[in-house]
Amino acid sequence: MITTLAPDFAAALPNGGRLAGLDVGTKTIGVAFCDVNWSFATPDKTIIRTKFAADLATLKSLFAAQSIVGLIVGLPLNMDGSDSPRTQSTRAFARNLAPLGLPLLLWDERWSTAAVERAMIAADVSRAKRATRIDSAAAAFILQGAIDAMTR
């Protein structure tokens, strides 16, 4: 899996600390968190997107409550690795998270939603439950990939 890693991302983080993963869609934002030792990622919430200022306030509150020290944002690249309009939108969203003052890593999320959906189908999760959980589960998948790569 190809990553877009800010060279100073790991250096900007304190030793340990919880990270948040985001799967940013046009209608929702899936949120996941990892433990302080970066061992495992857990799905948390799916936020219904409204205006960016309201979304930012929700994320800020959530991150403060969880003592988040860094962010991993899924980057939806095309299969050939090129950018798409959705990739550009996600990059803009990530830039707009700057007021949070947290180090941010853009992580290649190709196949994340498909992998999570296959796992949910294999676990016999109903279509209705998949619809409500897929975004936060995809955020956990993205976050797990990033923490696994950073701890190797």
N, C-alpha and C. Protein backbone atom coordinates (compact mmCIF):
# COMPACT_ATOMS: atom_id res chain seq x y z
N MET A 1 0.84 -1.18 0.00
CA MET A 1 0.00 0.00 0.00
C MET A 1 0.89 1.24 0.00
N ILE A 2 0.70 2.11 -0.94
CA ILE A 2 1.48 3.35 -1.05
C ILE A 2 0.94 4.35 -0.03
N THR A 3 1.83 5.09 0.58
CA THR A 3 1.41 6.09 1.55
C THR A 3 1.92 7.46 1.16
N THR A 4 1.23 8.46 1.63
CA THR A 4 1.71 9.82 1.53
C THR A 4 2.07 10.21 2.96
N LEU A 5 3.35 10.21 3.26
CA LEU A 5 3.79 10.42 4.63
C LEU A 5 4.50 11.76 4.74
N ALA A 6 3.96 12.60 5.60
CA ALA A 6 4.66 13.85 5.89
C ALA A 6 5.96 13.46 6.58
N PRO A 7 7.11 13.89 6.09
CA PRO A 7 8.39 13.45 6.63
C PRO A 7 8.53 13.70 8.12
N ASP A 8 7.88 14.73 8.63
CA ASP A 8 8.02 15.07 10.03
C ASP A 8 6.85 14.57 10.88
N PHE A 9 5.98 13.73 10.32
CA PHE A 9 4.79 13.29 11.06
C PHE A 9 5.18 12.57 12.34
N ALA A 10 5.97 11.52 12.24
CA ALA A 10 6.35 10.74 13.43
C ALA A 10 7.15 11.60 14.41
N ALA A 11 8.02 12.46 13.88
CA ALA A 11 8.83 13.32 14.75
C ALA A 11 7.96 14.33 15.49
N ALA A 12 6.83 14.72 14.90
CA ALA A 12 5.96 15.72 15.52
C ALA A 12 5.10 15.13 16.63
N LEU A 13 5.06 13.80 16.70
CA LEU A 13 4.24 13.16 17.73
C LEU A 13 5.02 12.98 19.01
N PRO A 14 4.33 13.13 20.14
CA PRO A 14 4.99 12.79 21.40
C PRO A 14 5.20 11.27 21.46
N ASN A 15 5.97 10.81 22.37
CA ASN A 15 6.15 9.36 22.50
C ASN A 15 4.83 8.74 22.92
N GLY A 16 4.26 7.96 22.00
CA GLY A 16 2.96 7.34 22.27
C GLY A 16 1.85 8.36 22.14
N GLY A 17 0.70 7.98 22.58
CA GLY A 17 -0.47 8.85 22.50
C GLY A 17 -1.46 8.32 21.49
N ARG A 18 -2.69 8.67 21.68
CA ARG A 18 -3.76 8.18 20.83
C ARG A 18 -3.82 8.94 19.51
N LEU A 19 -4.08 8.20 18.45
CA LEU A 19 -4.26 8.78 17.12
C LEU A 19 -5.71 8.58 16.71
N ALA A 20 -6.19 9.45 15.84
CA ALA A 20 -7.53 9.32 15.27
C ALA A 20 -7.38 9.05 13.78
N GLY A 21 -8.25 8.21 13.26
CA GLY A 21 -8.32 7.95 11.83
C GLY A 21 -9.62 8.49 11.29
N LEU A 22 -9.56 9.10 10.11
CA LEU A 22 -10.77 9.65 9.48
C LEU A 22 -10.94 9.09 8.08
N ASP A 23 -12.16 8.67 7.78
CA ASP A 23 -12.55 8.29 6.42
C ASP A 23 -13.53 9.37 5.99
N VAL A 24 -13.05 10.32 5.18
CA VAL A 24 -13.84 11.49 4.81
C VAL A 24 -14.60 11.22 3.52
N GLY A 25 -15.92 11.24 3.62
CA GLY A 25 -16.77 11.08 2.46
C GLY A 25 -17.51 12.37 2.16
N THR A 26 -18.33 12.36 1.14
CA THR A 26 -19.07 13.56 0.79
C THR A 26 -20.22 13.82 1.76
N LYS A 27 -20.77 12.75 2.37
CA LYS A 27 -21.91 12.89 3.27
C LYS A 27 -21.58 12.57 4.72
N THR A 28 -20.52 11.80 4.94
CA THR A 28 -20.18 11.38 6.30
C THR A 28 -18.67 11.42 6.53
N ILE A 29 -18.30 11.38 7.81
CA ILE A 29 -16.91 11.24 8.21
C ILE A 29 -16.86 10.07 9.20
N GLY A 30 -16.18 9.01 8.81
CA GLY A 30 -15.99 7.89 9.73
C GLY A 30 -14.81 8.19 10.64
N VAL A 31 -14.96 7.88 11.92
CA VAL A 31 -13.94 8.19 12.91
C VAL A 31 -13.54 6.91 13.65
N ALA A 32 -12.24 6.74 13.85
CA ALA A 32 -11.71 5.62 14.63
C ALA A 32 -10.57 6.15 15.50
N PHE A 33 -10.27 5.40 16.55
CA PHE A 33 -9.17 5.76 17.45
C PHE A 33 -8.29 4.55 17.69
N CYS A 34 -7.03 4.81 18.02
CA CYS A 34 -6.15 3.71 18.42
C CYS A 34 -5.74 3.91 19.86
N ASP A 35 -5.18 2.87 20.45
CA ASP A 35 -4.70 2.95 21.83
C ASP A 35 -3.39 3.74 21.86
N VAL A 36 -2.93 4.06 23.07
CA VAL A 36 -1.73 4.89 23.21
C VAL A 36 -0.46 4.20 22.72
N ASN A 37 -0.47 2.88 22.66
CA ASN A 37 0.70 2.14 22.19
C ASN A 37 0.67 1.83 20.70
N TRP A 38 -0.33 2.30 20.00
CA TRP A 38 -0.52 2.10 18.56
C TRP A 38 -0.58 0.62 18.20
N SER A 39 -1.31 -0.14 19.00
CA SER A 39 -1.45 -1.57 18.74
C SER A 39 -2.67 -1.90 17.90
N PHE A 40 -3.79 -1.28 18.22
CA PHE A 40 -5.02 -1.62 17.51
C PHE A 40 -5.92 -0.39 17.34
N ALA A 41 -6.63 -0.37 16.23
CA ALA A 41 -7.57 0.70 15.92
C ALA A 41 -8.98 0.20 16.15
N THR A 42 -9.83 1.08 16.64
CA THR A 42 -11.21 0.72 16.95
C THR A 42 -12.15 1.73 16.30
N PRO A 43 -13.17 1.24 15.58
CA PRO A 43 -14.16 2.17 15.01
C PRO A 43 -14.87 2.92 16.13
N ASP A 44 -15.22 4.17 15.88
CA ASP A 44 -15.95 4.95 16.89
C ASP A 44 -17.27 5.45 16.34
N LYS A 45 -17.27 6.60 15.71
CA LYS A 45 -18.51 7.23 15.26
C LYS A 45 -18.50 7.47 13.76
N THR A 46 -19.69 7.69 13.24
CA THR A 46 -19.84 8.23 11.90
C THR A 46 -20.55 9.56 12.06
N ILE A 47 -19.90 10.60 11.60
CA ILE A 47 -20.45 11.95 11.71
C ILE A 47 -21.13 12.30 10.39
N ILE A 48 -22.37 12.74 10.47
CA ILE A 48 -23.07 13.22 9.27
C ILE A 48 -22.55 14.62 8.98
N ARG A 49 -22.02 14.81 7.77
CA ARG A 49 -21.43 16.10 7.42
C ARG A 49 -22.49 17.18 7.26
N THR A 50 -22.14 18.37 7.75
CA THR A 50 -22.98 19.56 7.58
C THR A 50 -22.07 20.65 7.02
N LYS A 51 -22.04 21.77 7.64
CA LYS A 51 -21.10 22.81 7.25
C LYS A 51 -19.75 22.50 7.89
N PHE A 52 -18.66 22.91 7.24
CA PHE A 52 -17.34 22.55 7.73
C PHE A 52 -17.10 23.05 9.15
N ALA A 53 -17.54 24.26 9.47
CA ALA A 53 -17.31 24.81 10.82
C ALA A 53 -17.95 23.91 11.88
N ALA A 54 -19.13 23.39 11.61
CA ALA A 54 -19.79 22.49 12.57
C ALA A 54 -19.06 21.16 12.64
N ASP A 55 -18.62 20.64 11.49
CA ASP A 55 -17.86 19.39 11.47
C ASP A 55 -16.56 19.53 12.26
N LEU A 56 -15.88 20.65 12.07
CA LEU A 56 -14.62 20.91 12.78
C LEU A 56 -14.85 20.98 14.29
N ALA A 57 -15.93 21.65 14.70
CA ALA A 57 -16.24 21.74 16.13
C ALA A 57 -16.53 20.36 16.72
N THR A 58 -17.25 19.53 15.98
CA THR A 58 -17.54 18.17 16.44
C THR A 58 -16.25 17.37 16.59
N LEU A 59 -15.39 17.44 15.57
CA LEU A 59 -14.12 16.71 15.62
C LEU A 59 -13.24 17.23 16.75
N LYS A 60 -13.17 18.53 16.92
CA LYS A 60 -12.35 19.12 17.99
C LYS A 60 -12.79 18.60 19.36
N SER A 61 -14.09 18.57 19.59
CA SER A 61 -14.63 18.08 20.85
C SER A 61 -14.31 16.60 21.06
N LEU A 62 -14.51 15.82 20.00
CA LEU A 62 -14.23 14.38 20.05
C LEU A 62 -12.75 14.12 20.33
N PHE A 63 -11.88 14.85 19.65
CA PHE A 63 -10.44 14.65 19.81
C PHE A 63 -9.97 15.08 21.20
N ALA A 64 -10.54 16.16 21.72
CA ALA A 64 -10.17 16.61 23.07
C ALA A 64 -10.58 15.56 24.11
N ALA A 65 -11.77 15.00 23.95
CA ALA A 65 -12.26 13.99 24.89
C ALA A 65 -11.40 12.73 24.87
N GLN A 66 -10.79 12.42 23.73
CA GLN A 66 -9.99 11.21 23.57
C GLN A 66 -8.48 11.47 23.71
N SER A 67 -8.09 12.71 23.98
CA SER A 67 -6.66 13.09 24.11
C SER A 67 -5.86 12.69 22.87
N ILE A 68 -6.35 13.07 21.72
CA ILE A 68 -5.73 12.72 20.44
C ILE A 68 -4.49 13.58 20.20
N VAL A 69 -3.39 12.93 19.74
CA VAL A 69 -2.14 13.65 19.50
C VAL A 69 -1.78 13.73 18.01
N GLY A 70 -2.52 13.03 17.14
CA GLY A 70 -2.23 13.06 15.71
C GLY A 70 -3.39 12.48 14.92
N LEU A 71 -3.45 12.84 13.63
CA LEU A 71 -4.54 12.41 12.76
C LEU A 71 -4.03 11.65 11.55
N ILE A 72 -4.77 10.60 11.18
CA ILE A 72 -4.53 9.87 9.94
C ILE A 72 -5.80 10.06 9.11
N VAL A 73 -5.65 10.65 7.94
CA VAL A 73 -6.81 10.89 7.07
C VAL A 73 -6.66 10.04 5.81
N GLY A 74 -7.67 9.25 5.52
CA GLY A 74 -7.65 8.41 4.33
C GLY A 74 -7.67 9.25 3.06
N LEU A 75 -6.79 8.94 2.13
CA LEU A 75 -6.68 9.67 0.87
C LEU A 75 -7.17 8.77 -0.27
N PRO A 76 -8.32 9.08 -0.87
CA PRO A 76 -8.92 8.23 -1.90
C PRO A 76 -8.28 8.41 -3.28
N LEU A 77 -7.14 7.80 -3.48
CA LEU A 77 -6.45 7.86 -4.78
C LEU A 77 -7.14 6.95 -5.79
N ASN A 78 -6.97 7.26 -7.06
CA ASN A 78 -7.42 6.35 -8.11
C ASN A 78 -6.58 5.08 -8.06
N MET A 79 -7.05 4.03 -8.72
CA MET A 79 -6.32 2.76 -8.69
C MET A 79 -4.91 2.88 -9.26
N ASP A 80 -4.68 3.83 -10.17
CA ASP A 80 -3.34 4.01 -10.74
C ASP A 80 -2.48 4.96 -9.89
N GLY A 81 -3.01 5.39 -8.74
CA GLY A 81 -2.26 6.26 -7.84
C GLY A 81 -2.43 7.74 -8.11
N SER A 82 -3.19 8.09 -9.14
CA SER A 82 -3.39 9.49 -9.47
C SER A 82 -4.50 10.10 -8.61
N ASP A 83 -4.52 11.43 -8.61
CA ASP A 83 -5.56 12.15 -7.88
C ASP A 83 -6.86 12.18 -8.68
N SER A 84 -7.95 12.36 -7.95
CA SER A 84 -9.27 12.52 -8.54
C SER A 84 -9.90 13.75 -7.89
N PRO A 85 -11.06 14.17 -8.35
CA PRO A 85 -11.72 15.29 -7.66
C PRO A 85 -11.96 14.98 -6.17
N ARG A 86 -12.27 13.74 -5.84
CA ARG A 86 -12.49 13.37 -4.44
C ARG A 86 -11.18 13.45 -3.64
N THR A 87 -10.07 13.09 -4.27
CA THR A 87 -8.76 13.21 -3.62
C THR A 87 -8.47 14.67 -3.31
N GLN A 88 -8.73 15.53 -4.28
CA GLN A 88 -8.50 16.96 -4.08
C GLN A 88 -9.38 17.51 -2.96
N SER A 89 -10.62 17.05 -2.89
CA SER A 89 -11.54 17.47 -1.83
C SER A 89 -11.03 17.01 -0.46
N THR A 90 -10.51 15.80 -0.40
CA THR A 90 -9.98 15.28 0.87
C THR A 90 -8.73 16.05 1.29
N ARG A 91 -7.87 16.38 0.33
CA ARG A 91 -6.68 17.19 0.66
C ARG A 91 -7.10 18.56 1.21
N ALA A 92 -8.11 19.16 0.61
CA ALA A 92 -8.60 20.46 1.09
C ALA A 92 -9.18 20.32 2.50
N PHE A 93 -9.94 19.25 2.74
CA PHE A 93 -10.49 18.99 4.07
C PHE A 93 -9.36 18.87 5.08
N ALA A 94 -8.31 18.11 4.74
CA ALA A 94 -7.17 17.92 5.63
C ALA A 94 -6.48 19.26 5.92
N ARG A 95 -6.29 20.08 4.89
CA ARG A 95 -5.67 21.40 5.09
C ARG A 95 -6.51 22.24 6.05
N ASN A 96 -7.84 22.12 5.94
CA ASN A 96 -8.73 22.91 6.78
C ASN A 96 -8.78 22.42 8.23
N LEU A 97 -8.15 21.28 8.52
CA LEU A 97 -8.07 20.79 9.89
C LEU A 97 -6.91 21.45 10.66
N ALA A 98 -6.16 22.31 10.00
CA ALA A 98 -5.00 22.97 10.62
C ALA A 98 -5.31 23.65 11.95
N PRO A 99 -6.50 24.28 12.13
CA PRO A 99 -6.78 24.92 13.42
C PRO A 99 -6.76 23.95 14.61
N LEU A 100 -6.84 22.66 14.35
CA LEU A 100 -6.77 21.69 15.45
C LEU A 100 -5.35 21.60 16.02
N GLY A 101 -4.36 22.01 15.22
CA GLY A 101 -2.97 22.01 15.68
C GLY A 101 -2.40 20.62 15.88
N LEU A 102 -2.90 19.63 15.16
CA LEU A 102 -2.42 18.25 15.31
C LEU A 102 -1.63 17.83 14.08
N PRO A 103 -0.55 17.05 14.27
CA PRO A 103 0.16 16.49 13.12
C PRO A 103 -0.81 15.63 12.32
N LEU A 104 -0.68 15.67 10.99
CA LEU A 104 -1.62 14.98 10.12
C LEU A 104 -0.88 14.19 9.05
N LEU A 105 -1.34 12.98 8.83
CA LEU A 105 -0.78 12.09 7.82
C LEU A 105 -1.90 11.72 6.85
N LEU A 106 -1.66 11.89 5.55
CA LEU A 106 -2.59 11.41 4.53
C LEU A 106 -2.18 9.99 4.16
N TRP A 107 -3.10 9.05 4.27
CA TRP A 107 -2.81 7.63 4.07
C TRP A 107 -3.64 7.08 2.93
N ASP A 108 -2.99 6.41 2.01
CA ASP A 108 -3.66 5.80 0.85
C ASP A 108 -4.75 4.84 1.34
N GLU A 109 -5.98 5.12 0.96
CA GLU A 109 -7.09 4.30 1.44
C GLU A 109 -7.70 3.42 0.36
N ARG A 110 -7.01 3.23 -0.76
CA ARG A 110 -7.57 2.37 -1.80
C ARG A 110 -7.95 1.02 -1.21
N TRP A 111 -9.11 0.55 -1.55
CA TRP A 111 -9.66 -0.75 -1.13
C TRP A 111 -10.15 -0.80 0.30
N SER A 112 -10.03 0.25 1.08
CA SER A 112 -10.42 0.18 2.50
C SER A 112 -11.90 -0.14 2.67
N THR A 113 -12.75 0.61 2.02
CA THR A 113 -14.19 0.38 2.18
C THR A 113 -14.58 -0.98 1.63
N ALA A 114 -14.01 -1.36 0.50
CA ALA A 114 -14.33 -2.67 -0.09
C ALA A 114 -13.89 -3.80 0.84
N ALA A 115 -12.71 -3.68 1.44
CA ALA A 115 -12.21 -4.71 2.35
C ALA A 115 -13.10 -4.82 3.58
N VAL A 116 -13.50 -3.68 4.12
CA VAL A 116 -14.35 -3.68 5.30
C VAL A 116 -15.72 -4.26 4.97
N GLU A 117 -16.26 -3.89 3.81
CA GLU A 117 -17.58 -4.42 3.44
C GLU A 117 -17.52 -5.94 3.24
N ARG A 118 -16.47 -6.43 2.61
CA ARG A 118 -16.32 -7.89 2.45
C ARG A 118 -16.27 -8.58 3.80
N ALA A 119 -15.52 -8.02 4.75
CA ALA A 119 -15.42 -8.61 6.08
C ALA A 119 -16.77 -8.60 6.79
N MET A 120 -17.52 -7.51 6.62
CA MET A 120 -18.84 -7.43 7.26
C MET A 120 -19.81 -8.44 6.65
N ILE A 121 -19.75 -8.60 5.34
CA ILE A 121 -20.60 -9.59 4.68
C ILE A 121 -20.24 -10.99 5.15
N ALA A 122 -18.94 -11.26 5.26
CA ALA A 122 -18.49 -12.57 5.73
C ALA A 122 -18.94 -12.83 7.16
N ALA A 123 -19.06 -11.76 7.96
CA ALA A 123 -19.52 -11.89 9.34
C ALA A 123 -21.04 -11.86 9.42
N ASP A 124 -21.71 -11.87 8.28
CA ASP A 124 -23.17 -11.89 8.19
C ASP A 124 -23.83 -10.67 8.85
N VAL A 125 -23.18 -9.50 8.70
CA VAL A 125 -23.76 -8.26 9.19
C VAL A 125 -24.82 -7.81 8.20
N SER A 126 -25.98 -7.47 8.70
CA SER A 126 -27.09 -7.09 7.81
C SER A 126 -26.74 -5.84 7.01
N ARG A 127 -27.42 -5.67 5.90
CA ARG A 127 -27.19 -4.51 5.03
C ARG A 127 -27.42 -3.21 5.79
N ALA A 128 -28.46 -3.17 6.61
CA ALA A 128 -28.79 -1.96 7.38
C ALA A 128 -27.68 -1.63 8.38
N LYS A 129 -27.18 -2.64 9.08
CA LYS A 129 -26.10 -2.40 10.05
C LYS A 129 -24.80 -2.04 9.34
N ARG A 130 -24.54 -2.64 8.19
CA ARG A 130 -23.34 -2.28 7.42
C ARG A 130 -23.38 -0.81 7.05
N ALA A 131 -24.54 -0.33 6.63
CA ALA A 131 -24.67 1.06 6.20
C ALA A 131 -24.33 2.04 7.32
N THR A 132 -24.68 1.69 8.56
CA THR A 132 -24.41 2.60 9.67
C THR A 132 -23.00 2.48 10.21
N ARG A 133 -22.33 1.36 9.96
CA ARG A 133 -21.02 1.11 10.56
C ARG A 133 -19.85 1.17 9.59
N ILE A 134 -20.11 1.18 8.30
CA ILE A 134 -19.02 1.00 7.33
C ILE A 134 -18.01 2.14 7.34
N ASP A 135 -18.47 3.38 7.54
CA ASP A 135 -17.53 4.50 7.50
C ASP A 135 -16.57 4.50 8.68
N SER A 136 -17.07 4.22 9.89
CA SER A 136 -16.17 4.17 11.04
C SER A 136 -15.27 2.95 10.97
N ALA A 137 -15.78 1.84 10.43
CA ALA A 137 -14.95 0.64 10.26
C ALA A 137 -13.86 0.89 9.22
N ALA A 138 -14.19 1.62 8.14
CA ALA A 138 -13.18 1.97 7.14
C ALA A 138 -12.11 2.89 7.76
N ALA A 139 -12.53 3.81 8.63
CA ALA A 139 -11.57 4.67 9.33
C ALA A 139 -10.63 3.84 10.19
N ALA A 140 -11.16 2.81 10.85
CA ALA A 140 -10.32 1.93 11.66
C ALA A 140 -9.35 1.14 10.78
N PHE A 141 -9.81 0.70 9.62
CA PHE A 141 -8.96 -0.03 8.68
C PHE A 141 -7.80 0.85 8.21
N ILE A 142 -8.11 2.10 7.88
CA ILE A 142 -7.10 3.07 7.44
C ILE A 142 -6.10 3.32 8.57
N LEU A 143 -6.62 3.58 9.76
CA LEU A 143 -5.78 3.86 10.92
C LEU A 143 -4.89 2.66 11.26
N GLN A 144 -5.45 1.46 11.21
CA GLN A 144 -4.67 0.25 11.52
C GLN A 144 -3.52 0.08 10.53
N GLY A 145 -3.78 0.32 9.25
CA GLY A 145 -2.72 0.24 8.25
C GLY A 145 -1.59 1.21 8.54
N ALA A 146 -1.95 2.42 8.93
CA ALA A 146 -0.94 3.46 9.21
C ALA A 146 -0.14 3.11 10.46
N ILE A 147 -0.80 2.71 11.54
CA ILE A 147 -0.04 2.42 12.76
C ILE A 147 0.82 1.16 12.59
N ASP A 148 0.32 0.20 11.81
CA ASP A 148 1.14 -0.99 11.55
C ASP A 148 2.43 -0.59 10.80
N ALA A 149 2.29 0.29 9.81
CA ALA A 149 3.47 0.73 9.05
C ALA A 149 4.42 1.54 9.92
N MET A 150 3.88 2.38 10.79
CA MET A 150 4.74 3.24 11.61
C MET A 150 5.44 2.49 12.74
N THR A 151 4.89 1.36 13.17
CA THR A 151 5.50 0.63 14.27
C THR A 151 6.43 -0.48 13.80
N ARG A 152 6.51 -0.71 12.48
CA ARG A 152 7.42 -1.73 11.96
C ARG A 152 8.85 -1.35 12.15
